[in-house]
Amino acid sequence: MTGPPVIVEHLPGKHDQKKHGNWTGKKAGGAPRSQSAAKAEPIKAEDRVQLPDGSTGRVITILPTGQAAVLRDDGSASVHDVGDLAHEKTVSDKERAAAQARAPVRKKATPKHTSVEDWADKGGVIDGGTRTGRGDWRLLNIWKEQGFDGLPRIADEDELDDEVAAGGLEMWRGVGGNSRQDVEAFADQFRTGDEPFPGLGMYGNGTYFAPDAKMAHAFARGGGSKHGAVMRSVLRRDAKVIDYDDLLSRAAAQGDDDVDPRVRDAMSDPGRLAAMFGYDAITVGGQKGAKPREVVVVNRTALSISPQLREPQE
């Protein structure tokens, strides 16, 4: 089979930043960053920073040794020479407005149902259709009912850069398989297939992405797969998103006395529940105000995704 183009992509902090796309010293959305201005801004406590391995975090304090203690967005802590840190890239209001003009909000699926009451008598919808031995077929039925099985937007790298600058969340997904053909087929099923695969996961069933590219690259290399690849995507800026803990709290507060038992059973999974409530994605982990550790997507029409597959990197 003829698959999508494969490109090699290095992780931030592990290659010459001047040679690769949006890591050319430009802020997302366009204007070159002034290197002299960047050097003139010292790293200080409470600053958001990018670490040498490409991850991000917040400076807790500057130590007498000249090193910085950093609380990473994944919750871990580490110490680094201040000279090895860079301010996290930010986008000015003017740049964001320009990016939003280049990347207007697209239409995404509007859910038919957003409450337990809406679903109370929909047990036949959830339990209907074809039952397969792979994935969560109940979730697939919910997606179809909500229109969440529609296609994502296929976008080139520049268009994805604009969406990030406009306020979208850049995310990465690692896929693996026993052959290159398997990997391409899995990627194609999500990007252009009639039915997205309703995957399983500990934070809810759906499709898992990571804002940290390293996590996706590690997944694509691991799990016993002989081959792997990484897809780049952006969760649109107006996506309806709920934090995992908030979703569990909302679920606990729901009354289900008059609900079809099949609906009640479906509500036991956070991914199904999020889709039933009309959310596009669940965010998991991460410090307050920082990017989440993982994102469980339950509406692929809320995504833009690259046609390219990236080779997994160390």
C-alpha atoms as a PDB file:
ATOM      1  CA  MET A   1       0.000   0.000   0.000  1.00  0.00           C
ATOM      2  CA  THR A   2       1.076   3.535  -0.580  1.00  0.00           C
ATOM      3  CA  GLY A   3       1.261   5.343   2.705  1.00  0.00           C
ATOM      4  CA  PRO A   4       1.627   8.960   3.782  1.00  0.00           C
ATOM      5  CA  PRO A   5       5.019  10.642   3.541  1.00  0.00           C
ATOM      6  CA  VAL A   6       7.357   9.818   6.389  1.00  0.00           C
ATOM      7  CA  ILE A   7       9.608  12.525   7.789  1.00  0.00           C
ATOM      8  CA  VAL A   8      12.200  12.461  10.515  1.00  0.00           C
ATOM      9  CA  GLU A   9      11.492  14.882  13.349  1.00  0.00           C
ATOM     10  CA  HIS A  10      13.853  15.534  16.229  1.00  0.00           C
ATOM     11  CA  LEU A  11      12.698  16.511  19.680  1.00  0.00           C
ATOM     12  CA  PRO A  12      13.176  20.034  21.031  1.00  0.00           C
ATOM     13  CA  GLY A  13      16.532  20.459  22.701  1.00  0.00           C
ATOM     14  CA  LYS A  14      18.116  17.536  20.853  1.00  0.00           C
ATOM     15  CA  HIS A  15      19.010  19.055  17.498  1.00  0.00           C
ATOM     16  CA  ASP A  16      20.065  22.264  15.845  1.00  0.00           C
ATOM     17  CA  GLN A  17      17.054  24.477  16.496  1.00  0.00           C
ATOM     18  CA  LYS A  18      17.849  26.594  13.439  1.00  0.00           C
ATOM     19  CA  LYS A  19      17.172  23.801  10.959  1.00  0.00           C
ATOM     20  CA  HIS A  20      13.701  22.525  11.749  1.00  0.00           C
ATOM     21  CA  GLY A  21      10.379  24.198  10.950  1.00  0.00           C
ATOM     22  CA  ASN A  22       8.717  25.889  13.877  1.00  0.00           C
ATOM     23  CA  TRP A  23      11.843  25.491  16.032  1.00  0.00           C
ATOM     24  CA  THR A  24      13.758  28.111  14.043  1.00  0.00           C
ATOM     25  CA  GLY A  25      13.751  30.732  16.748  1.00  0.00           C
ATOM     26  CA  LYS A  26      10.376  31.970  15.561  1.00  0.00           C
ATOM     27  CA  LYS A  27       7.420  32.333  17.843  1.00  0.00           C
ATOM     28  CA  ALA A  28       4.487  30.207  16.748  1.00  0.00           C
ATOM     29  CA  GLY A  29       2.610  32.248  14.207  1.00  0.00           C
ATOM     30  CA  GLY A  30       5.462  34.043  12.648  1.00  0.00           C
ATOM     31  CA  ALA A  31       7.724  36.848  13.767  1.00  0.00           C
ATOM     32  CA  PRO A  32      11.401  35.965  14.421  1.00  0.00           C
ATOM     33  CA  ARG A  33      12.329  36.099  18.050  1.00  0.00           C
ATOM     34  CA  SER A  34      15.009  38.583  18.952  1.00  0.00           C
ATOM     35  CA  GLN A  35      17.913  36.572  20.287  1.00  0.00           C
ATOM     36  CA  SER A  36      19.434  39.585  21.970  1.00  0.00           C
ATOM     37  CA  ALA A  37      16.123  40.292  23.696  1.00  0.00           C
ATOM     38  CA  ALA A  38      15.894  36.674  24.797  1.00  0.00           C
ATOM     39  CA  LYS A  39      19.372  36.830  26.318  1.00  0.00           C
ATOM     40  CA  ALA A  40      18.563  40.090  28.092  1.00  0.00           C
ATOM     41  CA  GLU A  41      15.737  38.457  30.046  1.00  0.00           C
ATOM     42  CA  PRO A  42      17.199  36.600  33.054  1.00  0.00           C
ATOM     43  CA  ILE A  43      15.584  33.457  34.368  1.00  0.00           C
ATOM     44  CA  LYS A  44      13.936  34.081  37.733  1.00  0.00           C
ATOM     45  CA  ALA A  45      11.614  32.388  40.189  1.00  0.00           C
ATOM     46  CA  GLU A  46       8.078  31.706  38.902  1.00  0.00           C
ATOM     47  CA  ASP A  47       9.171  31.950  35.239  1.00  0.00           C
ATOM     48  CA  ARG A  48       7.839  29.409  32.803  1.00  0.00           C
ATOM     49  CA  VAL A  49      10.808  27.701  31.154  1.00  0.00           C
ATOM     50  CA  GLN A  50      11.763  25.096  28.576  1.00  0.00           C
ATOM     51  CA  LEU A  51      14.254  22.483  29.767  1.00  0.00           C
ATOM     52  CA  PRO A  52      17.111  21.015  27.706  1.00  0.00           C
ATOM     53  CA  ASP A  53      15.072  17.900  26.885  1.00  0.00           C
ATOM     54  CA  GLY A  54      12.242  19.993  25.448  1.00  0.00           C
ATOM     55  CA  SER A  55       9.839  19.613  28.374  1.00  0.00           C
ATOM     56  CA  THR A  56       8.461  22.628  30.241  1.00  0.00           C
ATOM     57  CA  GLY A  57       7.920  23.701  33.819  1.00  0.00           C
ATOM     58  CA  ARG A  58       8.016  26.501  36.369  1.00  0.00           C
ATOM     59  CA  VAL A  59      11.075  27.791  38.234  1.00  0.00           C
ATOM     60  CA  ILE A  60      10.557  27.298  41.957  1.00  0.00           C
ATOM     61  CA  THR A  61      13.666  29.178  43.087  1.00  0.00           C
ATOM     62  CA  ILE A  62      17.145  30.212  41.993  1.00  0.00           C
ATOM     63  CA  LEU A  63      19.733  28.472  44.165  1.00  0.00           C
ATOM     64  CA  PRO A  64      22.905  30.155  45.506  1.00  0.00           C
ATOM     65  CA  THR A  65      24.887  27.948  43.107  1.00  0.00           C
ATOM     66  CA  GLY A  66      23.311  29.745  40.166  1.00  0.00           C
ATOM     67  CA  GLN A  67      21.148  26.775  39.376  1.00  0.00           C
ATOM     68  CA  ALA A  68      17.379  26.743  39.089  1.00  0.00           C
ATOM     69  CA  ALA A  69      15.033  24.321  40.813  1.00  0.00           C
ATOM     70  CA  VAL A  70      12.225  23.543  38.365  1.00  0.00           C
ATOM     71  CA  LEU A  71       8.831  21.944  38.905  1.00  0.00           C
ATOM     72  CA  ARG A  72       8.093  20.176  35.642  1.00  0.00           C
ATOM     73  CA  ASP A  73       4.600  20.082  34.202  1.00  0.00           C
ATOM     74  CA  ASP A  74       4.484  16.333  34.779  1.00  0.00           C
ATOM     75  CA  GLY A  75       4.819  16.959  38.533  1.00  0.00           C
ATOM     76  CA  SER A  76       8.480  15.942  38.901  1.00  0.00           C
ATOM     77  CA  ALA A  77      11.242  18.329  40.030  1.00  0.00           C
ATOM     78  CA  SER A  78      14.793  18.818  38.772  1.00  0.00           C
ATOM     79  CA  VAL A  79      17.741  21.190  39.068  1.00  0.00           C
ATOM     80  CA  HIS A  80      19.449  22.805  36.081  1.00  0.00           C
ATOM     81  CA  ASP A  81      22.097  25.390  35.294  1.00  0.00           C
ATOM     82  CA  VAL A  82      20.263  28.607  34.505  1.00  0.00           C
ATOM     83  CA  GLY A  83      22.173  28.881  31.244  1.00  0.00           C
ATOM     84  CA  ASP A  84      20.625  25.617  30.079  1.00  0.00           C
ATOM     85  CA  LEU A  85      17.087  26.958  30.411  1.00  0.00           C
ATOM     86  CA  ALA A  86      15.094  29.095  28.021  1.00  0.00           C
ATOM     87  CA  HIS A  87      11.912  31.053  28.578  1.00  0.00           C
ATOM     88  CA  GLU A  88       8.891  29.129  27.367  1.00  0.00           C
ATOM     89  CA  LYS A  89       7.736  30.520  24.058  1.00  0.00           C
ATOM     90  CA  THR A  90       4.733  32.793  24.313  1.00  0.00           C
ATOM     91  CA  VAL A  91       2.501  34.408  21.746  1.00  0.00           C
ATOM     92  CA  SER A  92       1.607  38.091  21.965  1.00  0.00           C
ATOM     93  CA  ASP A  93      -1.979  39.266  21.626  1.00  0.00           C
ATOM     94  CA  LYS A  94      -1.144  40.753  18.215  1.00  0.00           C
ATOM     95  CA  GLU A  95       0.455  37.533  16.997  1.00  0.00           C
ATOM     96  CA  ARG A  96      -2.440  35.475  18.321  1.00  0.00           C
ATOM     97  CA  ALA A  97      -4.972  37.716  16.541  1.00  0.00           C
ATOM     98  CA  ALA A  98      -3.024  37.374  13.287  1.00  0.00           C
ATOM     99  CA  ALA A  99      -2.885  33.603  13.698  1.00  0.00           C
ATOM    100  CA  GLN A 100      -6.609  33.450  14.419  1.00  0.00           C
ATOM    101  CA  ALA A 101      -7.256  35.341  11.183  1.00  0.00           C
ATOM    102  CA  ARG A 102      -5.154  32.771   9.315  1.00  0.00           C
ATOM    103  CA  ALA A 103      -6.773  29.851  11.136  1.00  0.00           C
ATOM    104  CA  PRO A 104     -10.490  30.646  11.514  1.00  0.00           C
ATOM    105  CA  VAL A 105     -12.572  28.373  13.723  1.00  0.00           C
ATOM    106  CA  ARG A 106     -13.951  25.488  11.679  1.00  0.00           C
ATOM    107  CA  LYS A 107     -17.237  23.756  12.145  1.00  0.00           C
ATOM    108  CA  LYS A 108     -17.108  20.704  14.394  1.00  0.00           C
ATOM    109  CA  ALA A 109     -19.791  18.213  15.325  1.00  0.00           C
ATOM    110  CA  THR A 110     -22.483  19.617  17.618  1.00  0.00           C
ATOM    111  CA  PRO A 111     -23.648  16.914  20.041  1.00  0.00           C
ATOM    112  CA  LYS A 112     -27.320  15.971  20.106  1.00  0.00           C
ATOM    113  CA  HIS A 113     -27.238  15.137  23.822  1.00  0.00           C
ATOM    114  CA  THR A 114     -25.432  16.744  26.762  1.00  0.00           C
ATOM    115  CA  SER A 115     -27.032  15.345  29.909  1.00  0.00           C
ATOM    116  CA  VAL A 116     -28.058  12.113  31.596  1.00  0.00           C
ATOM    117  CA  GLU A 117     -31.693  13.056  31.008  1.00  0.00           C
ATOM    118  CA  ASP A 118     -31.031  13.233  27.273  1.00  0.00           C
ATOM    119  CA  TRP A 119     -29.681   9.686  27.320  1.00  0.00           C
ATOM    120  CA  ALA A 120     -32.120   8.176  29.836  1.00  0.00           C
ATOM    121  CA  ASP A 121     -34.031   6.139  27.230  1.00  0.00           C
ATOM    122  CA  LYS A 122     -31.205   5.662  24.730  1.00  0.00           C
ATOM    123  CA  GLY A 123     -30.077   2.223  25.904  1.00  0.00           C
ATOM    124  CA  GLY A 124     -30.976   0.740  22.528  1.00  0.00           C
ATOM    125  CA  VAL A 125     -28.793   3.309  20.768  1.00  0.00           C
ATOM    126  CA  ILE A 126     -25.797   2.536  22.949  1.00  0.00           C
ATOM    127  CA  ASP A 127     -26.236  -1.248  22.729  1.00  0.00           C
ATOM    128  CA  GLY A 128     -27.186  -1.287  19.055  1.00  0.00           C
ATOM    129  CA  GLY A 129     -25.024  -1.689  15.979  1.00  0.00           C
ATOM    130  CA  THR A 130     -22.277  -4.183  15.377  1.00  0.00           C
ATOM    131  CA  ARG A 131     -20.495  -5.608  18.380  1.00  0.00           C
ATOM    132  CA  THR A 132     -16.859  -6.201  17.635  1.00  0.00           C
ATOM    133  CA  GLY A 133     -14.185  -7.969  19.629  1.00  0.00           C
ATOM    134  CA  ARG A 134     -11.830  -4.984  19.475  1.00  0.00           C
ATOM    135  CA  GLY A 135     -12.197  -1.653  21.198  1.00  0.00           C
ATOM    136  CA  ASP A 136     -15.246  -0.208  22.925  1.00  0.00           C
ATOM    137  CA  TRP A 137     -18.207  -0.717  20.577  1.00  0.00           C
ATOM    138  CA  ARG A 138     -20.546   1.113  22.982  1.00  0.00           C
ATOM    139  CA  LEU A 139     -18.342   4.189  22.715  1.00  0.00           C
ATOM    140  CA  LEU A 140     -18.432   3.921  18.925  1.00  0.00           C
ATOM    141  CA  ASN A 141     -22.238   3.897  19.034  1.00  0.00           C
ATOM    142  CA  ILE A 142     -22.192   6.988  21.242  1.00  0.00           C
ATOM    143  CA  TRP A 143     -19.820   8.712  18.808  1.00  0.00           C
ATOM    144  CA  LYS A 144     -22.150   7.923  15.910  1.00  0.00           C
ATOM    145  CA  GLU A 145     -25.171   9.237  17.792  1.00  0.00           C
ATOM    146  CA  GLN A 146     -23.343  12.468  18.676  1.00  0.00           C
ATOM    147  CA  GLY A 147     -21.707  12.927  15.260  1.00  0.00           C
ATOM    148  CA  PHE A 148     -18.284  12.524  16.868  1.00  0.00           C
ATOM    149  CA  ASP A 149     -17.278   9.882  14.310  1.00  0.00           C
ATOM    150  CA  GLY A 150     -16.862  12.608  11.671  1.00  0.00           C
ATOM    151  CA  LEU A 151     -13.474  13.303  10.139  1.00  0.00           C
ATOM    152  CA  PRO A 152     -10.751  15.586  11.539  1.00  0.00           C
ATOM    153  CA  ARG A 153      -9.286  18.364   9.438  1.00  0.00           C
ATOM    154  CA  ILE A 154      -6.142  17.366   7.529  1.00  0.00           C
ATOM    155  CA  ALA A 155      -3.720  20.305   7.767  1.00  0.00           C
ATOM    156  CA  ASP A 156      -0.136  20.959   6.704  1.00  0.00           C
ATOM    157  CA  GLU A 157       2.591  21.969   9.140  1.00  0.00           C
ATOM    158  CA  ASP A 158       2.173  25.727   8.604  1.00  0.00           C
ATOM    159  CA  GLU A 159      -1.578  25.474   9.170  1.00  0.00           C
ATOM    160  CA  LEU A 160      -1.007  23.538  12.380  1.00  0.00           C
ATOM    161  CA  ASP A 161       1.492  26.189  13.520  1.00  0.00           C
ATOM    162  CA  ASP A 162      -1.179  28.845  12.963  1.00  0.00           C
ATOM    163  CA  GLU A 163      -3.742  26.867  14.944  1.00  0.00           C
ATOM    164  CA  VAL A 164      -1.325  26.529  17.864  1.00  0.00           C
ATOM    165  CA  ALA A 165      -0.552  30.249  17.767  1.00  0.00           C
ATOM    166  CA  ALA A 166      -4.279  30.973  17.658  1.00  0.00           C
ATOM    167  CA  GLY A 167      -4.806  29.120  20.930  1.00  0.00           C
ATOM    168  CA  GLY A 168      -5.117  25.443  19.960  1.00  0.00           C
ATOM    169  CA  LEU A 169      -3.339  22.708  21.923  1.00  0.00           C
ATOM    170  CA  GLU A 170      -0.563  20.921  20.048  1.00  0.00           C
ATOM    171  CA  MET A 171      -0.647  17.182  20.717  1.00  0.00           C
ATOM    172  CA  TRP A 172       1.142  14.044  19.557  1.00  0.00           C
ATOM    173  CA  ARG A 173       0.016  10.435  19.163  1.00  0.00           C
ATOM    174  CA  GLY A 174       2.301   7.429  18.920  1.00  0.00           C
ATOM    175  CA  VAL A 175       1.137   4.335  17.053  1.00  0.00           C
ATOM    176  CA  GLY A 176       2.805   0.947  16.722  1.00  0.00           C
ATOM    177  CA  GLY A 177       2.381  -2.252  14.740  1.00  0.00           C
ATOM    178  CA  ASN A 178       4.066  -5.396  13.526  1.00  0.00           C
ATOM    179  CA  SER A 179       4.726  -3.895  10.104  1.00  0.00           C
ATOM    180  CA  ARG A 180       4.999  -0.525   8.435  1.00  0.00           C
ATOM    181  CA  GLN A 181       1.732  -1.292   6.648  1.00  0.00           C
ATOM    182  CA  ASP A 182       0.012  -1.872   9.996  1.00  0.00           C
ATOM    183  CA  VAL A 183       1.226   1.481  11.320  1.00  0.00           C
ATOM    184  CA  GLU A 184       0.048   3.339   8.222  1.00  0.00           C
ATOM    185  CA  ALA A 185      -3.315   1.562   8.347  1.00  0.00           C
ATOM    186  CA  PHE A 186      -3.837   2.513  12.015  1.00  0.00           C
ATOM    187  CA  ALA A 187      -2.953   6.143  11.269  1.00  0.00           C
ATOM    188  CA  ASP A 188      -5.181   6.245   8.188  1.00  0.00           C
ATOM    189  CA  GLN A 189      -8.123   4.772  10.094  1.00  0.00           C
ATOM    190  CA  PHE A 190      -8.036   7.660  12.558  1.00  0.00           C
ATOM    191  CA  ARG A 191      -7.380  10.410  10.013  1.00  0.00           C
ATOM    192  CA  THR A 192      -9.598   9.380   7.115  1.00  0.00           C
ATOM    193  CA  GLY A 193     -11.447   6.171   8.065  1.00  0.00           C
ATOM    194  CA  ASP A 194     -15.219   5.882   8.118  1.00  0.00           C
ATOM    195  CA  GLU A 195     -15.048   4.822  11.767  1.00  0.00           C
ATOM    196  CA  PRO A 196     -12.410   5.916  14.295  1.00  0.00           C
ATOM    197  CA  PHE A 197     -11.166   3.051  16.437  1.00  0.00           C
ATOM    198  CA  PRO A 198     -12.695   3.301  19.941  1.00  0.00           C
ATOM    199  CA  GLY A 199      -9.598   2.534  21.995  1.00  0.00           C
ATOM    200  CA  LEU A 200      -9.381   1.540  25.644  1.00  0.00           C
ATOM    201  CA  GLY A 201      -7.522   3.405  28.385  1.00  0.00           C
ATOM    202  CA  MET A 202      -7.200   3.815  32.131  1.00  0.00           C
ATOM    203  CA  TYR A 203      -8.519   7.407  32.144  1.00  0.00           C
ATOM    204  CA  GLY A 204     -11.434   6.595  29.880  1.00  0.00           C
ATOM    205  CA  ASN A 205     -11.880   4.989  26.498  1.00  0.00           C
ATOM    206  CA  GLY A 206     -11.085   7.063  23.445  1.00  0.00           C
ATOM    207  CA  THR A 207      -7.991   8.163  21.534  1.00  0.00           C
ATOM    208  CA  TYR A 208      -4.965   9.134  23.611  1.00  0.00           C
ATOM    209  CA  PHE A 209      -2.659  12.040  22.774  1.00  0.00           C
ATOM    210  CA  ALA A 210       0.200  13.719  24.656  1.00  0.00           C
ATOM    211  CA  PRO A 211       1.125  17.436  24.520  1.00  0.00           C
ATOM    212  CA  ASP A 212       4.707  16.297  25.266  1.00  0.00           C
ATOM    213  CA  ALA A 213       6.118  14.861  22.033  1.00  0.00           C
ATOM    214  CA  LYS A 214       8.584  12.724  23.981  1.00  0.00           C
ATOM    215  CA  MET A 215       5.760  10.665  25.483  1.00  0.00           C
ATOM    216  CA  ALA A 216       4.311   9.898  22.055  1.00  0.00           C
ATOM    217  CA  HIS A 217       7.747   9.015  20.656  1.00  0.00           C
ATOM    218  CA  ALA A 218       8.379   6.692  23.599  1.00  0.00           C
ATOM    219  CA  PHE A 219       5.014   4.982  23.081  1.00  0.00           C
ATOM    220  CA  ALA A 220       5.690   4.510  19.365  1.00  0.00           C
ATOM    221  CA  ARG A 221       9.022   2.842  20.203  1.00  0.00           C
ATOM    222  CA  GLY A 222       7.683   0.638  23.000  1.00  0.00           C
ATOM    223  CA  GLY A 223       4.978  -1.879  23.727  1.00  0.00           C
ATOM    224  CA  GLY A 224       6.655  -4.694  21.822  1.00  0.00           C
ATOM    225  CA  SER A 225       5.805  -3.176  18.422  1.00  0.00           C
ATOM    226  CA  LYS A 226       8.299  -3.770  15.632  1.00  0.00           C
ATOM    227  CA  HIS A 227       7.386  -0.526  13.884  1.00  0.00           C
ATOM    228  CA  GLY A 228       6.047   2.817  15.040  1.00  0.00           C
ATOM    229  CA  ALA A 229       5.256   6.369  14.026  1.00  0.00           C
ATOM    230  CA  VAL A 230       4.104   9.652  15.576  1.00  0.00           C
ATOM    231  CA  MET A 231       1.288  11.898  14.387  1.00  0.00           C
ATOM    232  CA  ARG A 232       1.117  15.634  15.079  1.00  0.00           C
ATOM    233  CA  SER A 233      -2.273  17.203  15.748  1.00  0.00           C
ATOM    234  CA  VAL A 234      -3.949  20.260  17.276  1.00  0.00           C
ATOM    235  CA  LEU A 235      -7.033  20.298  19.482  1.00  0.00           C
ATOM    236  CA  ARG A 236      -9.028  23.290  18.280  1.00  0.00           C
ATOM    237  CA  ARG A 237      -9.090  26.331  20.526  1.00  0.00           C
ATOM    238  CA  ASP A 238     -12.852  26.221  21.107  1.00  0.00           C
ATOM    239  CA  ALA A 239     -12.936  22.529  21.989  1.00  0.00           C
ATOM    240  CA  LYS A 240     -15.175  21.602  24.905  1.00  0.00           C
ATOM    241  CA  VAL A 241     -12.765  20.020  27.369  1.00  0.00           C
ATOM    242  CA  ILE A 242     -13.161  18.685  30.910  1.00  0.00           C
ATOM    243  CA  ASP A 243     -10.531  17.728  33.463  1.00  0.00           C
ATOM    244  CA  TYR A 244     -10.556  14.048  34.433  1.00  0.00           C
ATOM    245  CA  ASP A 245     -11.139  14.736  38.148  1.00  0.00           C
ATOM    246  CA  ASP A 246     -13.920  17.217  37.357  1.00  0.00           C
ATOM    247  CA  LEU A 247     -15.567  14.619  35.127  1.00  0.00           C
ATOM    248  CA  LEU A 248     -15.552  12.070  37.943  1.00  0.00           C
ATOM    249  CA  SER A 249     -17.066  14.660  40.296  1.00  0.00           C
ATOM    250  CA  ARG A 250     -19.810  15.463  37.805  1.00  0.00           C
ATOM    251  CA  ALA A 251     -20.503  11.750  37.329  1.00  0.00           C
ATOM    252  CA  ALA A 252     -20.844  11.238  41.083  1.00  0.00           C
ATOM    253  CA  ALA A 253     -23.386  14.045  41.279  1.00  0.00           C
ATOM    254  CA  GLN A 254     -25.652  12.579  38.590  1.00  0.00           C
ATOM    255  CA  GLY A 255     -28.868  10.859  39.547  1.00  0.00           C
ATOM    256  CA  ASP A 256     -29.697   7.772  37.507  1.00  0.00           C
ATOM    257  CA  ASP A 257     -32.821   6.329  39.120  1.00  0.00           C
ATOM    258  CA  ASP A 258     -34.874   6.652  35.944  1.00  0.00           C
ATOM    259  CA  VAL A 259     -32.102   5.709  33.531  1.00  0.00           C
ATOM    260  CA  ASP A 260     -32.093   2.633  31.301  1.00  0.00           C
ATOM    261  CA  PRO A 261     -29.684   0.096  32.888  1.00  0.00           C
ATOM    262  CA  ARG A 262     -27.747  -0.052  29.610  1.00  0.00           C
ATOM    263  CA  VAL A 263     -27.187   3.701  29.810  1.00  0.00           C
ATOM    264  CA  ARG A 264     -26.139   3.429  33.451  1.00  0.00           C
ATOM    265  CA  ASP A 265     -23.611   0.751  32.480  1.00  0.00           C
ATOM    266  CA  ALA A 266     -22.225   2.937  29.688  1.00  0.00           C
ATOM    267  CA  MET A 267     -21.745   5.783  32.156  1.00  0.00           C
ATOM    268  CA  SER A 268     -19.254   3.679  34.121  1.00  0.00           C
ATOM    269  CA  ASP A 269     -16.482   4.606  31.678  1.00  0.00           C
ATOM    270  CA  PRO A 270     -15.176   8.223  31.762  1.00  0.00           C
ATOM    271  CA  GLY A 271     -14.609   8.332  27.993  1.00  0.00           C
ATOM    272  CA  ARG A 272     -18.149   7.266  27.202  1.00  0.00           C
ATOM    273  CA  LEU A 273     -19.475   9.654  29.833  1.00  0.00           C
ATOM    274  CA  ALA A 274     -17.539  12.605  28.406  1.00  0.00           C
ATOM    275  CA  ALA A 275     -18.875  11.886  24.921  1.00  0.00           C
ATOM    276  CA  MET A 276     -22.410  11.506  26.301  1.00  0.00           C
ATOM    277  CA  PHE A 277     -22.108  14.911  27.974  1.00  0.00           C
ATOM    278  CA  GLY A 278     -20.929  16.461  24.697  1.00  0.00           C
ATOM    279  CA  TYR A 279     -17.280  17.021  25.593  1.00  0.00           C
ATOM    280  CA  ASP A 280     -14.627  16.790  22.896  1.00  0.00           C
ATOM    281  CA  ALA A 281     -11.773  15.666  25.141  1.00  0.00           C
ATOM    282  CA  ILE A 282     -10.647  14.829  28.682  1.00  0.00           C
ATOM    283  CA  THR A 283      -7.454  16.354  30.063  1.00  0.00           C
ATOM    284  CA  VAL A 284      -5.377  14.327  32.508  1.00  0.00           C
ATOM    285  CA  GLY A 285      -2.658  15.505  34.919  1.00  0.00           C
ATOM    286  CA  GLY A 286      -0.412  18.530  34.652  1.00  0.00           C
ATOM    287  CA  GLN A 287       0.079  21.451  37.014  1.00  0.00           C
ATOM    288  CA  LYS A 288      -2.517  24.211  37.271  1.00  0.00           C
ATOM    289  CA  GLY A 289      -2.155  26.585  34.344  1.00  0.00           C
ATOM    290  CA  ALA A 290       0.150  24.198  32.476  1.00  0.00           C
ATOM    291  CA  LYS A 291      -0.420  21.718  29.686  1.00  0.00           C
ATOM    292  CA  PRO A 292      -2.008  18.415  30.677  1.00  0.00           C
ATOM    293  CA  ARG A 293       0.024  15.212  30.752  1.00  0.00           C
ATOM    294  CA  GLU A 294      -2.399  13.364  28.496  1.00  0.00           C
ATOM    295  CA  VAL A 295      -5.535  14.131  26.491  1.00  0.00           C
ATOM    296  CA  VAL A 296      -8.262  11.596  25.746  1.00  0.00           C
ATOM    297  CA  VAL A 297     -10.051  12.682  22.562  1.00  0.00           C
ATOM    298  CA  VAL A 298     -13.662  11.552  22.172  1.00  0.00           C
ATOM    299  CA  ASN A 299     -14.592  13.755  19.191  1.00  0.00           C
ATOM    300  CA  ARG A 300     -12.168  13.622  16.312  1.00  0.00           C
ATOM    301  CA  THR A 301     -13.953  16.457  14.472  1.00  0.00           C
ATOM    302  CA  ALA A 302     -12.390  18.754  17.098  1.00  0.00           C
ATOM    303  CA  LEU A 303      -8.904  17.972  15.732  1.00  0.00           C
ATOM    304  CA  SER A 304      -6.629  19.120  12.967  1.00  0.00           C
ATOM    305  CA  ILE A 305      -4.000  16.536  12.081  1.00  0.00           C
ATOM    306  CA  SER A 306      -0.933  16.316   9.864  1.00  0.00           C
ATOM    307  CA  PRO A 307      -0.858  13.886   6.916  1.00  0.00           C
ATOM    308  CA  GLN A 308       2.763  13.138   7.772  1.00  0.00           C
ATOM    309  CA  LEU A 309       4.049  10.306   9.922  1.00  0.00           C
ATOM    310  CA  ARG A 310       7.182  10.950  11.960  1.00  0.00           C
ATOM    311  CA  GLU A 311       9.739   8.318  12.769  1.00  0.00           C
ATOM    312  CA  PRO A 312      10.026   7.659  16.522  1.00  0.00           C
ATOM    313  CA  GLN A 313      13.037   9.376  18.106  1.00  0.00           C
ATOM    314  CA  GLU A 314      15.061   8.482  21.170  1.00  0.00           C
END
